[in-house]
Amino acid sequence: MNDTNIVYEQSRCVAHEIRNHLSICEIYTQIIKKNLEQEGIENQSISNALNCISKSLKIMNNSLIDLKSLNNISQKECDLQKTLEEGITLSKVYIHDKDIKIYSDIKTTAKVYIDENKFLACIVNIIKNAIEAIEKKGEINIASEIKNNNVHITISNNGSPISEEKQQAIFEKGYTTKPTGSGLGLHICVDNLKAQNAILRLNKSIPEITEFEIILPIYKN
């Protein structure tokens, strides 16, 4: 067995063990929900947190499944507005102690044919990057509109701009603008969206605004 195969098999074993522990977390999430219901305790914050944990666990589990299969895109019909709103909710955990407002302008919705977990992971990754680009206080705007049978989703922020030199390389594997970054986030987003017939691009990054755009076709039965 060559080195590549050894690494691949080790990755599969590690992924298997991690998935087991993710399953334990998911089970206890459901147990907590049931106990709250049985006790008649209604707490929207706890409920929202548990839902976010459950969804994040599914996204992580989906990523680990990728190690077992080359055909790892599982697309289905999804409601765009609902998916984007879920991505925004999941992303808010990264704000921490910053004063950041996230605004959404999703006036119309459409049916799209996507891998929901991978698409959500991309939305979360882009919003997380926007949060990290804002030092203390700022805003992030998520908007969508339909043009020529395509959905255009823009995610913008008023944080620190990306230099012109770095703009040419941000989607390359291993390239990062962050001291502790892996340089994989945007590269993975581009690949995953491409597999779903979608495009990710950087429209602009100037002192006033940095804007990313996702373009994907409307699903027609």
N, C-alpha and C. Protein backbone atom coordinates (compact mmCIF):
# COMPACT_ATOMS: atom_id res chain seq x y z
N MET A 1 0.85 -1.20 0.00
CA MET A 1 0.00 0.00 0.00
C MET A 1 0.88 1.25 0.00
N ASN A 2 0.67 2.16 -0.99
CA ASN A 2 1.51 3.36 -1.05
C ASN A 2 1.07 4.39 -0.02
N ASP A 3 1.86 5.46 0.07
CA ASP A 3 1.60 6.48 1.10
C ASP A 3 0.23 7.13 0.93
N THR A 4 -0.18 7.36 -0.34
CA THR A 4 -1.48 7.99 -0.59
C THR A 4 -2.61 7.13 -0.06
N ASN A 5 -2.54 5.83 -0.33
CA ASN A 5 -3.59 4.92 0.12
C ASN A 5 -3.61 4.81 1.64
N ILE A 6 -2.42 4.85 2.25
CA ILE A 6 -2.34 4.78 3.72
C ILE A 6 -3.03 5.98 4.34
N VAL A 7 -2.72 7.17 3.81
CA VAL A 7 -3.34 8.40 4.33
C VAL A 7 -4.86 8.35 4.14
N TYR A 8 -5.29 7.85 2.96
CA TYR A 8 -6.72 7.77 2.67
C TYR A 8 -7.42 6.84 3.65
N GLU A 9 -6.83 5.67 3.91
CA GLU A 9 -7.43 4.71 4.83
C GLU A 9 -7.46 5.25 6.26
N GLN A 10 -6.38 5.93 6.65
CA GLN A 10 -6.34 6.52 7.99
C GLN A 10 -7.41 7.61 8.13
N SER A 11 -7.59 8.39 7.07
CA SER A 11 -8.62 9.44 7.09
C SER A 11 -10.01 8.84 7.24
N ARG A 12 -10.24 7.73 6.54
CA ARG A 12 -11.54 7.05 6.64
C ARG A 12 -11.78 6.55 8.06
N CYS A 13 -10.75 6.01 8.69
CA CYS A 13 -10.89 5.50 10.06
C CYS A 13 -11.17 6.64 11.04
N VAL A 14 -10.42 7.74 10.88
CA VAL A 14 -10.62 8.90 11.76
C VAL A 14 -12.02 9.46 11.55
N ALA A 15 -12.45 9.55 10.28
CA ALA A 15 -13.79 10.07 9.98
C ALA A 15 -14.86 9.19 10.62
N HIS A 16 -14.65 7.88 10.59
CA HIS A 16 -15.61 6.95 11.19
C HIS A 16 -15.75 7.21 12.69
N GLU A 17 -14.63 7.38 13.37
CA GLU A 17 -14.66 7.62 14.81
C GLU A 17 -15.31 8.96 15.15
N ILE A 18 -14.97 9.98 14.36
CA ILE A 18 -15.56 11.30 14.60
C ILE A 18 -17.07 11.25 14.40
N ARG A 19 -17.51 10.55 13.35
CA ARG A 19 -18.95 10.45 13.09
C ARG A 19 -19.68 9.76 14.24
N ASN A 20 -19.03 8.79 14.86
CA ASN A 20 -19.64 8.13 16.02
C ASN A 20 -19.90 9.13 17.14
N HIS A 21 -18.93 10.00 17.39
CA HIS A 21 -19.07 10.97 18.47
C HIS A 21 -20.06 12.09 18.09
N LEU A 22 -20.12 12.42 16.81
CA LEU A 22 -21.13 13.38 16.37
C LEU A 22 -22.52 12.82 16.59
N SER A 23 -22.66 11.52 16.38
CA SER A 23 -23.96 10.86 16.60
C SER A 23 -24.36 10.95 18.07
N ILE A 24 -23.38 10.81 18.96
CA ILE A 24 -23.66 10.92 20.39
C ILE A 24 -24.16 12.33 20.73
N CYS A 25 -23.50 13.34 20.14
CA CYS A 25 -23.91 14.73 20.37
C CYS A 25 -25.33 14.96 19.88
N GLU A 26 -25.66 14.40 18.71
CA GLU A 26 -26.99 14.56 18.14
C GLU A 26 -28.04 13.88 19.02
N ILE A 27 -27.72 12.70 19.52
CA ILE A 27 -28.65 11.98 20.39
C ILE A 27 -28.95 12.78 21.65
N TYR A 28 -27.89 13.33 22.27
CA TYR A 28 -28.10 14.10 23.49
C TYR A 28 -28.82 15.42 23.22
N THR A 29 -28.65 15.97 22.02
CA THR A 29 -29.40 17.16 21.63
C THR A 29 -30.90 16.85 21.63
N GLN A 30 -31.24 15.71 21.05
CA GLN A 30 -32.64 15.30 21.01
C GLN A 30 -33.18 14.98 22.40
N ILE A 31 -32.33 14.39 23.26
CA ILE A 31 -32.74 14.08 24.64
C ILE A 31 -33.06 15.38 25.40
N ILE A 32 -32.20 16.39 25.23
CA ILE A 32 -32.43 17.67 25.90
C ILE A 32 -33.75 18.28 25.43
N LYS A 33 -34.00 18.23 24.12
CA LYS A 33 -35.26 18.76 23.58
C LYS A 33 -36.47 18.06 24.20
N LYS A 34 -36.40 16.73 24.28
CA LYS A 34 -37.52 15.96 24.83
C LYS A 34 -37.73 16.25 26.31
N ASN A 35 -36.63 16.38 27.04
CA ASN A 35 -36.74 16.69 28.48
C ASN A 35 -37.36 18.07 28.71
N LEU A 36 -36.98 19.03 27.87
CA LEU A 36 -37.57 20.36 27.99
C LEU A 36 -39.07 20.32 27.73
N GLU A 37 -39.46 19.53 26.71
CA GLU A 37 -40.88 19.39 26.40
C GLU A 37 -41.64 18.72 27.54
N GLN A 38 -41.04 17.66 28.10
CA GLN A 38 -41.69 16.93 29.20
C GLN A 38 -41.83 17.79 30.44
N GLU A 39 -40.85 18.66 30.67
CA GLU A 39 -40.89 19.54 31.84
C GLU A 39 -41.74 20.78 31.59
N GLY A 40 -42.19 20.93 30.35
CA GLY A 40 -43.00 22.10 30.01
C GLY A 40 -42.21 23.39 30.00
N ILE A 41 -40.91 23.28 29.73
CA ILE A 41 -40.05 24.47 29.72
C ILE A 41 -39.96 25.01 28.29
N GLU A 42 -40.33 26.27 28.12
CA GLU A 42 -40.25 26.91 26.82
C GLU A 42 -39.22 28.04 26.89
N ASN A 43 -38.14 27.86 26.17
CA ASN A 43 -37.08 28.87 26.13
C ASN A 43 -36.61 28.97 24.68
N GLN A 44 -36.97 30.06 24.02
CA GLN A 44 -36.67 30.20 22.59
C GLN A 44 -35.17 30.21 22.31
N SER A 45 -34.40 30.84 23.20
CA SER A 45 -32.95 30.91 23.01
C SER A 45 -32.32 29.52 23.04
N ILE A 46 -32.75 28.70 24.03
CA ILE A 46 -32.24 27.33 24.13
C ILE A 46 -32.68 26.52 22.92
N SER A 47 -33.93 26.69 22.52
CA SER A 47 -34.45 25.96 21.36
C SER A 47 -33.68 26.31 20.09
N ASN A 48 -33.41 27.60 19.89
CA ASN A 48 -32.65 28.03 18.72
C ASN A 48 -31.23 27.48 18.74
N ALA A 49 -30.63 27.50 19.93
CA ALA A 49 -29.26 26.99 20.07
C ALA A 49 -29.19 25.49 19.75
N LEU A 50 -30.16 24.73 20.25
CA LEU A 50 -30.19 23.29 20.00
C LEU A 50 -30.40 23.00 18.51
N ASN A 51 -31.26 23.79 17.87
CA ASN A 51 -31.48 23.61 16.43
C ASN A 51 -30.22 23.91 15.63
N CYS A 52 -29.49 24.94 16.04
CA CYS A 52 -28.24 25.28 15.36
C CYS A 52 -27.19 24.19 15.56
N ILE A 53 -27.12 23.66 16.78
CA ILE A 53 -26.17 22.58 17.06
C ILE A 53 -26.51 21.37 16.21
N SER A 54 -27.79 21.02 16.15
CA SER A 54 -28.23 19.86 15.38
C SER A 54 -27.89 20.03 13.90
N LYS A 55 -28.13 21.22 13.35
CA LYS A 55 -27.83 21.46 11.93
C LYS A 55 -26.34 21.45 11.68
N SER A 56 -25.56 22.02 12.58
CA SER A 56 -24.10 22.01 12.42
C SER A 56 -23.54 20.59 12.46
N LEU A 57 -24.11 19.77 13.31
CA LEU A 57 -23.69 18.37 13.39
C LEU A 57 -23.96 17.65 12.07
N LYS A 58 -25.09 17.95 11.45
CA LYS A 58 -25.42 17.33 10.16
C LYS A 58 -24.45 17.79 9.08
N ILE A 59 -24.08 19.06 9.10
CA ILE A 59 -23.14 19.58 8.11
C ILE A 59 -21.77 18.92 8.29
N MET A 60 -21.32 18.79 9.54
CA MET A 60 -20.04 18.14 9.81
C MET A 60 -20.07 16.68 9.39
N ASN A 61 -21.17 16.01 9.70
CA ASN A 61 -21.31 14.61 9.32
C ASN A 61 -21.27 14.45 7.80
N ASN A 62 -21.91 15.37 7.10
CA ASN A 62 -21.91 15.35 5.65
C ASN A 62 -20.49 15.52 5.10
N SER A 63 -19.70 16.37 5.72
CA SER A 63 -18.32 16.59 5.28
C SER A 63 -17.48 15.33 5.48
N LEU A 64 -17.73 14.63 6.56
CA LEU A 64 -16.98 13.41 6.83
C LEU A 64 -17.36 12.29 5.87
N ILE A 65 -18.61 12.27 5.45
CA ILE A 65 -19.05 11.26 4.47
C ILE A 65 -18.28 11.42 3.17
N ASP A 66 -17.85 12.66 2.87
CA ASP A 66 -17.11 12.92 1.64
C ASP A 66 -15.85 12.06 1.53
N LEU A 67 -15.29 11.67 2.68
CA LEU A 67 -14.08 10.87 2.67
C LEU A 67 -14.35 9.44 2.20
N LYS A 68 -15.61 9.04 2.17
CA LYS A 68 -15.95 7.67 1.81
C LYS A 68 -16.44 7.52 0.37
N SER A 69 -16.71 8.64 -0.28
CA SER A 69 -17.30 8.54 -1.61
C SER A 69 -16.82 9.67 -2.50
N LEU A 70 -16.59 9.34 -3.77
CA LEU A 70 -16.20 10.36 -4.74
C LEU A 70 -17.44 11.09 -5.26
N ASN A 71 -18.56 10.40 -5.27
CA ASN A 71 -19.81 11.01 -5.71
C ASN A 71 -20.55 11.53 -4.47
N ASN A 72 -20.10 12.67 -3.98
CA ASN A 72 -20.56 13.11 -2.67
C ASN A 72 -21.50 14.31 -2.70
N ILE A 73 -22.08 14.61 -3.85
CA ILE A 73 -23.06 15.67 -3.94
C ILE A 73 -24.45 15.05 -3.94
N SER A 74 -25.26 15.42 -2.97
CA SER A 74 -26.61 14.87 -2.86
C SER A 74 -27.60 16.02 -2.95
N GLN A 75 -28.07 16.30 -4.17
CA GLN A 75 -28.92 17.46 -4.40
C GLN A 75 -30.41 17.14 -4.26
N LYS A 76 -31.15 18.16 -3.88
CA LYS A 76 -32.60 18.03 -3.78
C LYS A 76 -33.21 19.42 -3.97
N GLU A 77 -34.51 19.46 -4.15
CA GLU A 77 -35.21 20.73 -4.30
C GLU A 77 -35.32 21.43 -2.95
N CYS A 78 -34.88 22.69 -2.89
CA CYS A 78 -34.91 23.44 -1.63
C CYS A 78 -35.49 24.83 -1.87
N ASP A 79 -36.06 25.39 -0.82
CA ASP A 79 -36.55 26.76 -0.86
C ASP A 79 -35.41 27.70 -0.52
N LEU A 80 -35.08 28.59 -1.45
CA LEU A 80 -33.92 29.46 -1.29
C LEU A 80 -34.01 30.33 -0.05
N GLN A 81 -35.15 31.00 0.16
CA GLN A 81 -35.28 31.91 1.29
C GLN A 81 -35.07 31.19 2.62
N LYS A 82 -35.69 30.03 2.77
CA LYS A 82 -35.55 29.26 3.99
C LYS A 82 -34.11 28.84 4.23
N THR A 83 -33.43 28.43 3.15
CA THR A 83 -32.03 28.00 3.26
C THR A 83 -31.12 29.15 3.66
N LEU A 84 -31.32 30.31 3.03
CA LEU A 84 -30.50 31.47 3.37
C LEU A 84 -30.72 31.93 4.80
N GLU A 85 -31.96 31.95 5.22
CA GLU A 85 -32.27 32.36 6.60
C GLU A 85 -31.64 31.41 7.61
N GLU A 86 -31.62 30.12 7.27
CA GLU A 86 -30.99 29.15 8.16
C GLU A 86 -29.48 29.39 8.22
N GLY A 87 -28.88 29.72 7.07
CA GLY A 87 -27.45 30.01 7.04
C GLY A 87 -27.10 31.23 7.87
N ILE A 88 -27.95 32.26 7.82
CA ILE A 88 -27.73 33.47 8.61
C ILE A 88 -27.80 33.15 10.10
N THR A 89 -28.80 32.36 10.50
CA THR A 89 -28.95 31.97 11.91
C THR A 89 -27.72 31.21 12.40
N LEU A 90 -27.23 30.27 11.60
CA LEU A 90 -26.06 29.48 11.99
C LEU A 90 -24.82 30.36 12.11
N SER A 91 -24.73 31.40 11.28
CA SER A 91 -23.53 32.24 11.25
C SER A 91 -23.42 33.19 12.43
N LYS A 92 -24.53 33.55 13.05
CA LYS A 92 -24.53 34.57 14.10
C LYS A 92 -23.69 34.19 15.31
N VAL A 93 -23.44 32.89 15.48
CA VAL A 93 -22.64 32.45 16.63
C VAL A 93 -21.22 33.00 16.57
N TYR A 94 -20.73 33.35 15.37
CA TYR A 94 -19.36 33.83 15.21
C TYR A 94 -19.19 35.31 15.57
N ILE A 95 -20.29 36.01 15.83
CA ILE A 95 -20.18 37.44 16.13
C ILE A 95 -19.51 37.67 17.48
N HIS A 96 -19.77 36.80 18.45
CA HIS A 96 -19.16 36.91 19.79
C HIS A 96 -19.43 38.29 20.40
N ASP A 97 -18.33 39.01 20.72
CA ASP A 97 -18.48 40.28 21.43
C ASP A 97 -18.40 41.49 20.49
N LYS A 98 -18.49 41.25 19.18
CA LYS A 98 -18.46 42.36 18.23
C LYS A 98 -19.86 42.98 18.09
N ASP A 99 -19.88 44.22 17.68
CA ASP A 99 -21.16 44.90 17.45
C ASP A 99 -21.43 44.87 15.93
N ILE A 100 -21.97 43.75 15.49
CA ILE A 100 -22.21 43.56 14.06
C ILE A 100 -23.69 43.28 13.83
N LYS A 101 -24.26 43.99 12.90
CA LYS A 101 -25.65 43.78 12.52
C LYS A 101 -25.67 43.04 11.19
N ILE A 102 -26.51 42.00 11.12
CA ILE A 102 -26.69 41.26 9.86
C ILE A 102 -28.08 41.57 9.33
N TYR A 103 -28.12 42.13 8.13
CA TYR A 103 -29.39 42.48 7.51
C TYR A 103 -29.63 41.58 6.29
N SER A 104 -30.86 41.17 6.11
CA SER A 104 -31.19 40.34 4.95
C SER A 104 -32.29 41.00 4.13
N ASP A 105 -32.10 41.00 2.83
CA ASP A 105 -33.08 41.56 1.90
C ASP A 105 -33.45 40.45 0.91
N ILE A 106 -34.24 39.51 1.39
CA ILE A 106 -34.64 38.35 0.58
C ILE A 106 -36.15 38.47 0.35
N LYS A 107 -36.50 39.32 -0.58
CA LYS A 107 -37.92 39.64 -0.80
C LYS A 107 -38.65 38.56 -1.58
N THR A 108 -37.93 37.91 -2.47
CA THR A 108 -38.55 36.85 -3.27
C THR A 108 -37.78 35.55 -3.06
N THR A 109 -38.46 34.45 -3.24
CA THR A 109 -37.79 33.16 -3.09
C THR A 109 -37.93 32.36 -4.38
N ALA A 110 -37.27 31.25 -4.44
CA ALA A 110 -37.31 30.39 -5.62
C ALA A 110 -36.90 28.99 -5.19
N LYS A 111 -37.26 28.03 -5.99
CA LYS A 111 -36.82 26.66 -5.76
C LYS A 111 -35.46 26.47 -6.42
N VAL A 112 -34.53 25.93 -5.67
CA VAL A 112 -33.19 25.66 -6.22
C VAL A 112 -32.84 24.20 -5.97
N TYR A 113 -32.00 23.66 -6.82
CA TYR A 113 -31.61 22.25 -6.74
C TYR A 113 -30.19 22.18 -6.22
N ILE A 114 -30.05 21.92 -4.93
CA ILE A 114 -28.74 22.02 -4.27
C ILE A 114 -28.52 20.87 -3.28
N ASP A 115 -27.27 20.71 -2.89
CA ASP A 115 -26.94 19.88 -1.74
C ASP A 115 -27.08 20.81 -0.53
N GLU A 116 -28.16 20.67 0.20
CA GLU A 116 -28.49 21.63 1.25
C GLU A 116 -27.36 21.84 2.25
N ASN A 117 -26.77 20.76 2.73
CA ASN A 117 -25.72 20.89 3.74
C ASN A 117 -24.48 21.59 3.20
N LYS A 118 -24.08 21.23 1.98
CA LYS A 118 -22.89 21.85 1.38
C LYS A 118 -23.16 23.32 1.04
N PHE A 119 -24.35 23.60 0.57
CA PHE A 119 -24.71 24.99 0.25
C PHE A 119 -24.72 25.83 1.52
N LEU A 120 -25.32 25.30 2.58
CA LEU A 120 -25.34 26.00 3.86
C LEU A 120 -23.92 26.25 4.37
N ALA A 121 -23.06 25.25 4.23
CA ALA A 121 -21.67 25.38 4.69
C ALA A 121 -20.98 26.53 3.96
N CYS A 122 -21.28 26.71 2.67
CA CYS A 122 -20.69 27.81 1.89
C CYS A 122 -21.21 29.15 2.39
N ILE A 123 -22.51 29.25 2.61
CA ILE A 123 -23.10 30.50 3.10
C ILE A 123 -22.49 30.88 4.45
N VAL A 124 -22.41 29.90 5.34
CA VAL A 124 -21.84 30.14 6.67
C VAL A 124 -20.39 30.57 6.56
N ASN A 125 -19.62 29.92 5.69
CA ASN A 125 -18.20 30.24 5.55
C ASN A 125 -18.01 31.69 5.07
N ILE A 126 -18.81 32.11 4.09
CA ILE A 126 -18.68 33.47 3.56
C ILE A 126 -19.08 34.51 4.61
N ILE A 127 -20.17 34.25 5.34
CA ILE A 127 -20.60 35.20 6.39
C ILE A 127 -19.57 35.22 7.52
N LYS A 128 -19.02 34.07 7.87
CA LYS A 128 -17.99 34.01 8.92
C LYS A 128 -16.78 34.85 8.52
N ASN A 129 -16.37 34.74 7.25
CA ASN A 129 -15.25 35.56 6.77
C ASN A 129 -15.58 37.05 6.88
N ALA A 130 -16.83 37.39 6.58
CA ALA A 130 -17.26 38.79 6.66
C ALA A 130 -17.19 39.29 8.11
N ILE A 131 -17.62 38.45 9.04
CA ILE A 131 -17.56 38.80 10.46
C ILE A 131 -16.12 39.03 10.89
N GLU A 132 -15.22 38.16 10.44
CA GLU A 132 -13.80 38.26 10.81
C GLU A 132 -13.14 39.49 10.19
N ALA A 133 -13.69 39.97 9.06
CA ALA A 133 -13.12 41.15 8.40
C ALA A 133 -13.49 42.44 9.13
N ILE A 134 -14.50 42.37 9.99
CA ILE A 134 -14.94 43.54 10.75
C ILE A 134 -14.26 43.53 12.12
N GLU A 135 -13.53 44.58 12.41
CA GLU A 135 -12.73 44.60 13.64
C GLU A 135 -13.60 44.66 14.90
N LYS A 136 -14.47 45.62 14.98
CA LYS A 136 -15.30 45.77 16.18
C LYS A 136 -16.77 45.99 15.86
N LYS A 137 -17.03 46.94 14.96
CA LYS A 137 -18.40 47.33 14.67
C LYS A 137 -18.60 47.43 13.17
N GLY A 138 -19.75 46.92 12.70
CA GLY A 138 -20.02 47.01 11.27
C GLY A 138 -21.32 46.31 10.91
N GLU A 139 -21.50 46.10 9.62
CA GLU A 139 -22.72 45.43 9.19
C GLU A 139 -22.46 44.51 8.00
N ILE A 140 -23.32 43.50 7.91
CA ILE A 140 -23.26 42.52 6.83
C ILE A 140 -24.64 42.50 6.18
N ASN A 141 -24.65 42.50 4.87
CA ASN A 141 -25.92 42.50 4.15
C ASN A 141 -26.00 41.28 3.23
N ILE A 142 -27.11 40.56 3.32
CA ILE A 142 -27.36 39.41 2.45
C ILE A 142 -28.61 39.72 1.63
N ALA A 143 -28.49 39.66 0.33
CA ALA A 143 -29.62 39.97 -0.55
C ALA A 143 -29.70 38.95 -1.67
N SER A 144 -30.88 38.81 -2.23
CA SER A 144 -31.06 37.91 -3.36
C SER A 144 -32.05 38.51 -4.35
N GLU A 145 -31.82 38.23 -5.61
CA GLU A 145 -32.76 38.64 -6.64
C GLU A 145 -32.67 37.66 -7.81
N ILE A 146 -33.73 37.65 -8.61
CA ILE A 146 -33.81 36.73 -9.74
C ILE A 146 -33.57 37.50 -11.04
N LYS A 147 -32.64 37.00 -11.84
CA LYS A 147 -32.34 37.59 -13.15
C LYS A 147 -32.16 36.47 -14.17
N ASN A 148 -32.92 36.53 -15.23
CA ASN A 148 -32.75 35.59 -16.34
C ASN A 148 -32.69 34.13 -15.89
N ASN A 149 -33.66 33.74 -15.07
CA ASN A 149 -33.77 32.35 -14.59
C ASN A 149 -32.63 31.91 -13.67
N ASN A 150 -31.89 32.89 -13.16
CA ASN A 150 -30.85 32.61 -12.18
C ASN A 150 -31.11 33.38 -10.90
N VAL A 151 -30.69 32.81 -9.79
CA VAL A 151 -30.76 33.51 -8.51
C VAL A 151 -29.38 34.11 -8.23
N HIS A 152 -29.36 35.39 -7.91
CA HIS A 152 -28.11 36.08 -7.57
C HIS A 152 -28.15 36.41 -6.08
N ILE A 153 -27.22 35.85 -5.34
CA ILE A 153 -27.13 36.09 -3.89
C ILE A 153 -25.88 36.91 -3.62
N THR A 154 -26.03 38.05 -2.97
CA THR A 154 -24.86 38.86 -2.62
C THR A 154 -24.70 38.90 -1.11
N ILE A 155 -23.45 38.76 -0.68
CA ILE A 155 -23.11 38.84 0.75
C ILE A 155 -22.01 39.89 0.86
N SER A 156 -22.34 41.02 1.51
CA SER A 156 -21.38 42.13 1.58
C SER A 156 -21.14 42.55 3.02
N ASN A 157 -20.01 43.20 3.23
CA ASN A 157 -19.67 43.72 4.56
C ASN A 157 -18.87 45.00 4.40
N ASN A 158 -18.81 45.79 5.48
CA ASN A 158 -18.04 47.03 5.44
C ASN A 158 -16.80 46.95 6.31
N GLY A 159 -16.23 45.74 6.38
CA GLY A 159 -15.00 45.54 7.15
C GLY A 159 -13.77 45.89 6.33
N SER A 160 -12.63 45.40 6.79
CA SER A 160 -11.37 45.68 6.10
C SER A 160 -11.39 45.09 4.69
N PRO A 161 -11.01 45.86 3.68
CA PRO A 161 -11.03 45.35 2.31
C PRO A 161 -9.90 44.35 2.05
N ILE A 162 -10.07 43.56 1.02
CA ILE A 162 -9.04 42.62 0.57
C ILE A 162 -8.16 43.37 -0.43
N SER A 163 -6.86 43.30 -0.25
CA SER A 163 -5.97 44.04 -1.16
C SER A 163 -6.13 43.53 -2.59
N GLU A 164 -5.82 44.40 -3.54
CA GLU A 164 -5.97 44.04 -4.95
C GLU A 164 -5.13 42.82 -5.31
N GLU A 165 -3.95 42.73 -4.73
CA GLU A 165 -3.07 41.58 -4.99
C GLU A 165 -3.70 40.29 -4.47
N LYS A 166 -4.26 40.33 -3.27
CA LYS A 166 -4.84 39.13 -2.67
C LYS A 166 -6.16 38.73 -3.34
N GLN A 167 -6.85 39.70 -3.93
CA GLN A 167 -8.11 39.40 -4.60
C GLN A 167 -7.92 38.39 -5.73
N GLN A 168 -6.75 38.39 -6.33
CA GLN A 168 -6.48 37.49 -7.45
C GLN A 168 -6.23 36.05 -7.00
N ALA A 169 -6.03 35.86 -5.69
CA ALA A 169 -5.62 34.53 -5.23
C ALA A 169 -6.50 33.93 -4.14
N ILE A 170 -7.54 34.63 -3.70
CA ILE A 170 -8.29 34.17 -2.52
C ILE A 170 -9.01 32.84 -2.72
N PHE A 171 -9.27 32.46 -3.98
CA PHE A 171 -9.96 31.19 -4.21
C PHE A 171 -9.00 30.02 -4.44
N GLU A 172 -7.71 30.31 -4.41
CA GLU A 172 -6.72 29.26 -4.64
C GLU A 172 -6.54 28.40 -3.38
N LYS A 173 -6.32 27.14 -3.60
CA LYS A 173 -6.14 26.20 -2.49
C LYS A 173 -4.90 26.56 -1.69
N GLY A 174 -5.08 26.68 -0.37
CA GLY A 174 -3.95 26.96 0.51
C GLY A 174 -3.66 28.43 0.71
N TYR A 175 -4.35 29.31 -0.03
CA TYR A 175 -4.10 30.74 0.11
C TYR A 175 -5.03 31.32 1.16
N THR A 176 -4.46 32.08 2.10
CA THR A 176 -5.28 32.67 3.16
C THR A 176 -4.78 34.07 3.50
N THR A 177 -5.70 34.92 3.93
CA THR A 177 -5.34 36.27 4.37
C THR A 177 -5.30 36.35 5.89
N LYS A 178 -5.59 35.21 6.56
CA LYS A 178 -5.65 35.20 8.02
C LYS A 178 -4.44 34.47 8.61
N PRO A 179 -3.89 34.97 9.73
CA PRO A 179 -2.71 34.35 10.34
C PRO A 179 -2.89 32.88 10.69
N THR A 180 -4.10 32.50 11.08
CA THR A 180 -4.34 31.10 11.48
C THR A 180 -5.23 30.36 10.49
N GLY A 181 -5.42 30.92 9.31
CA GLY A 181 -6.30 30.31 8.31
C GLY A 181 -5.64 29.13 7.61
N SER A 182 -6.46 28.23 7.07
CA SER A 182 -5.96 27.06 6.35
C SER A 182 -5.90 27.30 4.84
N GLY A 183 -6.62 28.32 4.37
CA GLY A 183 -6.65 28.57 2.94
C GLY A 183 -7.52 27.58 2.18
N LEU A 184 -8.41 26.93 2.88
CA LEU A 184 -9.27 25.92 2.25
C LEU A 184 -10.73 26.36 2.12
N GLY A 185 -11.17 27.26 2.98
CA GLY A 185 -12.59 27.62 3.04
C GLY A 185 -13.19 28.04 1.73
N LEU A 186 -12.66 29.12 1.13
CA LEU A 186 -13.22 29.62 -0.12
C LEU A 186 -12.96 28.68 -1.28
N HIS A 187 -11.82 28.00 -1.25
CA HIS A 187 -11.51 27.02 -2.30
C HIS A 187 -12.54 25.89 -2.30
N ILE A 188 -12.87 25.40 -1.12
CA ILE A 188 -13.88 24.34 -0.99
C ILE A 188 -15.25 24.87 -1.44
N CYS A 189 -15.56 26.11 -1.06
CA CYS A 189 -16.84 26.71 -1.47
C CYS A 189 -16.96 26.75 -2.99
N VAL A 190 -15.91 27.21 -3.65
CA VAL A 190 -15.93 27.29 -5.11
C VAL A 190 -16.17 25.91 -5.72
N ASP A 191 -15.44 24.89 -5.23
CA ASP A 191 -15.58 23.53 -5.78
C ASP A 191 -16.98 22.96 -5.52
N ASN A 192 -17.47 23.13 -4.29
CA ASN A 192 -18.78 22.57 -3.94
C ASN A 192 -19.91 23.26 -4.71
N LEU A 193 -19.81 24.56 -4.88
CA LEU A 193 -20.84 25.29 -5.62
C LEU A 193 -20.78 24.95 -7.10
N LYS A 194 -19.58 24.80 -7.63
CA LYS A 194 -19.44 24.42 -9.04
C LYS A 194 -20.10 23.07 -9.30
N ALA A 195 -19.96 22.13 -8.35
CA ALA A 195 -20.58 20.80 -8.49
C ALA A 195 -22.11 20.89 -8.45
N GLN A 196 -22.63 22.02 -7.97
CA GLN A 196 -24.09 22.23 -7.90
C GLN A 196 -24.54 23.23 -8.98
N ASN A 197 -23.70 23.39 -10.02
CA ASN A 197 -23.99 24.30 -11.14
C ASN A 197 -24.11 25.76 -10.69
N ALA A 198 -23.39 26.11 -9.65
CA ALA A 198 -23.40 27.48 -9.14
C ALA A 198 -22.01 28.10 -9.26
N ILE A 199 -21.99 29.41 -9.22
CA ILE A 199 -20.73 30.16 -9.34
C ILE A 199 -20.54 31.03 -8.11
N LEU A 200 -19.32 31.10 -7.62
CA LEU A 200 -18.97 32.02 -6.53
C LEU A 200 -17.91 32.97 -7.06
N ARG A 201 -18.13 34.26 -6.86
CA ARG A 201 -17.13 35.23 -7.31
C ARG A 201 -17.07 36.42 -6.36
N LEU A 202 -15.96 37.11 -6.41
CA LEU A 202 -15.79 38.35 -5.65
C LEU A 202 -16.10 39.50 -6.59
N ASN A 203 -17.15 40.25 -6.30
CA ASN A 203 -17.53 41.37 -7.16
C ASN A 203 -16.63 42.58 -6.97
N LYS A 204 -16.36 42.89 -5.69
CA LYS A 204 -15.52 44.05 -5.40
C LYS A 204 -15.06 44.02 -3.95
N SER A 205 -13.96 44.67 -3.70
CA SER A 205 -13.48 44.85 -2.33
C SER A 205 -12.75 46.18 -2.27
N ILE A 206 -13.45 47.19 -1.79
CA ILE A 206 -12.93 48.55 -1.65
C ILE A 206 -13.14 48.97 -0.19
N PRO A 207 -12.58 50.09 0.23
CA PRO A 207 -12.72 50.50 1.65
C PRO A 207 -14.15 50.53 2.14
N GLU A 208 -15.10 50.85 1.25
CA GLU A 208 -16.49 50.99 1.68
C GLU A 208 -17.22 49.64 1.77
N ILE A 209 -16.85 48.71 0.90
CA ILE A 209 -17.62 47.46 0.83
C ILE A 209 -16.82 46.32 0.19
N THR A 210 -17.02 45.13 0.72
CA THR A 210 -16.52 43.90 0.08
C THR A 210 -17.76 43.05 -0.22
N GLU A 211 -17.88 42.62 -1.47
CA GLU A 211 -19.09 41.91 -1.88
C GLU A 211 -18.76 40.62 -2.64
N PHE A 212 -19.29 39.51 -2.12
CA PHE A 212 -19.22 38.23 -2.81
C PHE A 212 -20.59 37.94 -3.42
N GLU A 213 -20.60 37.17 -4.51
CA GLU A 213 -21.86 36.83 -5.16
C GLU A 213 -21.90 35.35 -5.54
N ILE A 214 -23.05 34.73 -5.29
CA ILE A 214 -23.31 33.36 -5.71
C ILE A 214 -24.41 33.40 -6.76
N ILE A 215 -24.18 32.74 -7.87
CA ILE A 215 -25.18 32.67 -8.94
C ILE A 215 -25.52 31.21 -9.18
N LEU A 216 -26.80 30.88 -9.12
CA LEU A 216 -27.23 29.51 -9.38
C LEU A 216 -28.57 29.51 -10.10
N PRO A 217 -28.83 28.49 -10.89
CA PRO A 217 -30.07 28.46 -11.67
C PRO A 217 -31.30 28.14 -10.81
N ILE A 218 -32.42 28.69 -11.22
CA ILE A 218 -33.69 28.34 -10.60
C ILE A 218 -34.05 26.92 -11.03
N TYR A 219 -34.56 26.15 -10.10
CA TYR A 219 -34.91 24.76 -10.41
C TYR A 219 -36.25 24.69 -11.11
N LYS A 220 -36.27 23.97 -12.22
CA LYS A 220 -37.51 23.77 -12.96
C LYS A 220 -37.77 22.26 -13.09
N ASN A 221 -38.93 21.83 -12.61
CA ASN A 221 -39.28 20.40 -12.64
C ASN A 221 -39.38 19.92 -14.08
